[in-house]
Amino acid sequence: VQLQASGGGLVEAGGSTRLSCAASRIILSTFISFNNMGWYRQAPGKQRELVARISSGGTINYADSVKGRFTISRDNSRKTMYLRMNSLKPEDSAIYFCNLDLPREGTSWGQGTLVTVSS
């Protein structure tokens, strides 16, 4: 499995952007099978933290810090997960990583995409 994250960049505080995570080298039936996909972020000098997670069944969890501002979704037909980020704050600046947990294949990570929020 390969994951390609994209959509990061420089955004002004209060602005919005959308990240995408496209999966490849995985057949559709496996992608829509029981699994979890998630977005994590890591700011300089800090540990990687969970931002949001979505299961193949549609169960969603958010970190408290992003509730009400970020929206996670997935398009199974495109084998892609998204993270819509609104009302961005400077403290949201980080490298954002996506991952995919499969029961048998384990966890795969994307390469990360940098989001910088200017104040």
C-alpha atoms as a PDB file:
ATOM      1  CA  VAL A   1       0.000   0.000   0.000  1.00  0.00           C
ATOM      2  CA  GLN A   2       1.195   3.502  -0.781  1.00  0.00           C
ATOM      3  CA  LEU A   3      -0.324   6.719   0.498  1.00  0.00           C
ATOM      4  CA  GLN A   4       0.241  10.093  -1.119  1.00  0.00           C
ATOM      5  CA  ALA A   5      -0.674  13.157   0.920  1.00  0.00           C
ATOM      6  CA  SER A   6      -1.145  16.512  -0.747  1.00  0.00           C
ATOM      7  CA  GLY A   7      -2.737  19.898  -0.266  1.00  0.00           C
ATOM      8  CA  GLY A   8      -0.502  21.521   2.309  1.00  0.00           C
ATOM      9  CA  GLY A   9       0.921  24.982   1.999  1.00  0.00           C
ATOM     10  CA  LEU A  10       0.884  28.447   3.493  1.00  0.00           C
ATOM     11  CA  VAL A  11      -2.470  29.670   4.788  1.00  0.00           C
ATOM     12  CA  GLU A  12      -3.418  32.800   6.698  1.00  0.00           C
ATOM     13  CA  ALA A  13      -4.910  32.455  10.146  1.00  0.00           C
ATOM     14  CA  GLY A  14      -8.659  32.064   9.860  1.00  0.00           C
ATOM     15  CA  GLY A  15      -8.332  30.590   6.418  1.00  0.00           C
ATOM     16  CA  SER A  16      -9.129  27.156   5.072  1.00  0.00           C
ATOM     17  CA  THR A  17      -7.500  24.405   3.110  1.00  0.00           C
ATOM     18  CA  ARG A  18      -8.096  20.771   2.236  1.00  0.00           C
ATOM     19  CA  LEU A  19      -5.686  17.894   2.447  1.00  0.00           C
ATOM     20  CA  SER A  20      -5.988  14.740   0.389  1.00  0.00           C
ATOM     21  CA  CYS A  21      -4.557  11.274   0.935  1.00  0.00           C
ATOM     22  CA  ALA A  22      -4.712   8.966  -2.049  1.00  0.00           C
ATOM     23  CA  ALA A  23      -4.096   5.247  -1.657  1.00  0.00           C
ATOM     24  CA  SER A  24      -2.487   3.168  -4.383  1.00  0.00           C
ATOM     25  CA  ARG A  25      -1.254  -0.388  -4.756  1.00  0.00           C
ATOM     26  CA  ILE A  26      -4.386  -1.562  -3.022  1.00  0.00           C
ATOM     27  CA  ILE A  27      -7.447  -3.094  -4.597  1.00  0.00           C
ATOM     28  CA  LEU A  28     -10.781  -1.441  -3.984  1.00  0.00           C
ATOM     29  CA  SER A  29     -12.276  -4.371  -2.092  1.00  0.00           C
ATOM     30  CA  THR A  30      -9.436  -4.225   0.413  1.00  0.00           C
ATOM     31  CA  PHE A  31      -9.720  -0.451   0.725  1.00  0.00           C
ATOM     32  CA  ILE A  32     -13.406  -0.638   1.594  1.00  0.00           C
ATOM     33  CA  SER A  33     -12.965  -3.582   3.909  1.00  0.00           C
ATOM     34  CA  PHE A  34     -12.833  -3.071   7.655  1.00  0.00           C
ATOM     35  CA  ASN A  35     -10.126  -0.496   8.295  1.00  0.00           C
ATOM     36  CA  ASN A  36      -9.312   2.867   9.789  1.00  0.00           C
ATOM     37  CA  MET A  37      -7.759   5.862   8.102  1.00  0.00           C
ATOM     38  CA  GLY A  38      -6.435   8.824   9.973  1.00  0.00           C
ATOM     39  CA  TRP A  39      -4.700  12.164   9.863  1.00  0.00           C
ATOM     40  CA  TYR A  40      -1.904  12.882  12.299  1.00  0.00           C
ATOM     41  CA  ARG A  41       0.295  15.917  12.665  1.00  0.00           C
ATOM     42  CA  GLN A  42       3.674  16.693  14.080  1.00  0.00           C
ATOM     43  CA  ALA A  43       4.872  20.167  14.911  1.00  0.00           C
ATOM     44  CA  PRO A  44       8.574  20.940  15.449  1.00  0.00           C
ATOM     45  CA  GLY A  45       9.743  19.628  18.794  1.00  0.00           C
ATOM     46  CA  LYS A  46       6.461  17.864  19.495  1.00  0.00           C
ATOM     47  CA  GLN A  47       5.227  14.326  19.285  1.00  0.00           C
ATOM     48  CA  ARG A  48       3.009  13.156  16.482  1.00  0.00           C
ATOM     49  CA  GLU A  49      -0.633  13.444  17.486  1.00  0.00           C
ATOM     50  CA  LEU A  50      -3.913  12.184  16.136  1.00  0.00           C
ATOM     51  CA  VAL A  51      -5.995  14.841  14.404  1.00  0.00           C
ATOM     52  CA  ALA A  52      -8.923  12.816  13.086  1.00  0.00           C
ATOM     53  CA  ARG A  53      -9.771   9.263  12.216  1.00  0.00           C
ATOM     54  CA  ILE A  54     -12.457   7.654  10.079  1.00  0.00           C
ATOM     55  CA  SER A  55     -13.347   4.002   9.786  1.00  0.00           C
ATOM     56  CA  SER A  56     -14.515   2.234   6.678  1.00  0.00           C
ATOM     57  CA  GLY A  57     -17.935   2.158   8.335  1.00  0.00           C
ATOM     58  CA  GLY A  58     -17.933   5.919   8.769  1.00  0.00           C
ATOM     59  CA  THR A  59     -17.168   6.204  12.478  1.00  0.00           C
ATOM     60  CA  ILE A  60     -15.287   9.453  13.066  1.00  0.00           C
ATOM     61  CA  ASN A  61     -13.152  10.744  15.919  1.00  0.00           C
ATOM     62  CA  TYR A  62     -11.533  14.152  16.273  1.00  0.00           C
ATOM     63  CA  ALA A  63      -8.950  15.578  18.576  1.00  0.00           C
ATOM     64  CA  ASP A  64     -10.526  18.126  20.899  1.00  0.00           C
ATOM     65  CA  SER A  65      -8.324  20.844  19.465  1.00  0.00           C
ATOM     66  CA  VAL A  66      -9.858  20.542  16.000  1.00  0.00           C
ATOM     67  CA  LYS A  67     -13.478  19.688  16.750  1.00  0.00           C
ATOM     68  CA  GLY A  68     -15.837  22.014  14.955  1.00  0.00           C
ATOM     69  CA  ARG A  69     -13.104  23.274  12.628  1.00  0.00           C
ATOM     70  CA  PHE A  70     -11.846  20.196  10.776  1.00  0.00           C
ATOM     71  CA  THR A  71     -13.859  17.642   8.830  1.00  0.00           C
ATOM     72  CA  ILE A  72     -12.550  14.248   7.810  1.00  0.00           C
ATOM     73  CA  SER A  73     -14.115  12.283   4.984  1.00  0.00           C
ATOM     74  CA  ARG A  74     -13.298   9.536   2.558  1.00  0.00           C
ATOM     75  CA  ASP A  75     -14.308   8.685  -0.986  1.00  0.00           C
ATOM     76  CA  ASN A  76     -13.971   4.947  -1.293  1.00  0.00           C
ATOM     77  CA  SER A  77     -14.509   4.962  -5.054  1.00  0.00           C
ATOM     78  CA  ARG A  78     -11.427   7.172  -5.384  1.00  0.00           C
ATOM     79  CA  LYS A  79      -9.538   5.401  -2.579  1.00  0.00           C
ATOM     80  CA  THR A  80      -8.958   8.840  -1.100  1.00  0.00           C
ATOM     81  CA  MET A  81      -9.344  10.457   2.299  1.00  0.00           C
ATOM     82  CA  TYR A  82      -9.717  14.185   2.885  1.00  0.00           C
ATOM     83  CA  LEU A  83      -9.285  16.644   5.711  1.00  0.00           C
ATOM     84  CA  ARG A  84     -11.085  19.935   5.371  1.00  0.00           C
ATOM     85  CA  MET A  85      -9.525  22.460   7.733  1.00  0.00           C
ATOM     86  CA  ASN A  86     -11.370  25.685   8.518  1.00  0.00           C
ATOM     87  CA  SER A  87     -10.644  28.549  10.903  1.00  0.00           C
ATOM     88  CA  LEU A  88      -6.987  27.649  10.900  1.00  0.00           C
ATOM     89  CA  LYS A  89      -4.788  28.828  13.738  1.00  0.00           C
ATOM     90  CA  PRO A  90      -1.019  29.233  13.881  1.00  0.00           C
ATOM     91  CA  GLU A  91      -0.913  26.301  16.305  1.00  0.00           C
ATOM     92  CA  ASP A  92      -2.291  24.085  13.521  1.00  0.00           C
ATOM     93  CA  SER A  93       1.025  24.486  11.705  1.00  0.00           C
ATOM     94  CA  ALA A  94       2.632  21.084  11.370  1.00  0.00           C
ATOM     95  CA  ILE A  95       3.478  18.297   9.007  1.00  0.00           C
ATOM     96  CA  TYR A  96       0.298  16.334   8.428  1.00  0.00           C
ATOM     97  CA  PHE A  97       0.539  12.611   7.842  1.00  0.00           C
ATOM     98  CA  CYS A  98      -2.144  10.190   6.744  1.00  0.00           C
ATOM     99  CA  ASN A  99      -2.276   6.535   7.581  1.00  0.00           C
ATOM    100  CA  LEU A 100      -4.263   3.432   6.796  1.00  0.00           C
ATOM    101  CA  ASP A 101      -4.691   0.551   9.224  1.00  0.00           C
ATOM    102  CA  LEU A 102      -5.521  -2.782   7.648  1.00  0.00           C
ATOM    103  CA  PRO A 103      -6.194  -5.871   9.784  1.00  0.00           C
ATOM    104  CA  ARG A 104      -3.742  -8.118   7.980  1.00  0.00           C
ATOM    105  CA  GLU A 105      -1.419  -5.758   6.142  1.00  0.00           C
ATOM    106  CA  GLY A 106      -0.759  -3.476   9.094  1.00  0.00           C
ATOM    107  CA  THR A 107      -0.289   0.287   9.091  1.00  0.00           C
ATOM    108  CA  SER A 108       0.879   2.326   6.135  1.00  0.00           C
ATOM    109  CA  TRP A 109       1.914   5.988   6.322  1.00  0.00           C
ATOM    110  CA  GLY A 110       2.017   8.734   3.752  1.00  0.00           C
ATOM    111  CA  GLN A 111       5.041  10.975   3.380  1.00  0.00           C
ATOM    112  CA  GLY A 112       3.498  14.019   5.072  1.00  0.00           C
ATOM    113  CA  THR A 113       2.459  17.411   3.810  1.00  0.00           C
ATOM    114  CA  LEU A 114       3.417  20.681   5.473  1.00  0.00           C
ATOM    115  CA  VAL A 115       0.758  23.132   6.584  1.00  0.00           C
ATOM    116  CA  THR A 116       1.939  26.543   7.749  1.00  0.00           C
ATOM    117  CA  VAL A 117      -0.572  28.977   9.198  1.00  0.00           C
ATOM    118  CA  SER A 118       0.620  32.567   9.335  1.00  0.00           C
ATOM    119  CA  SER A 119      -0.617  34.913  12.025  1.00  0.00           C
END
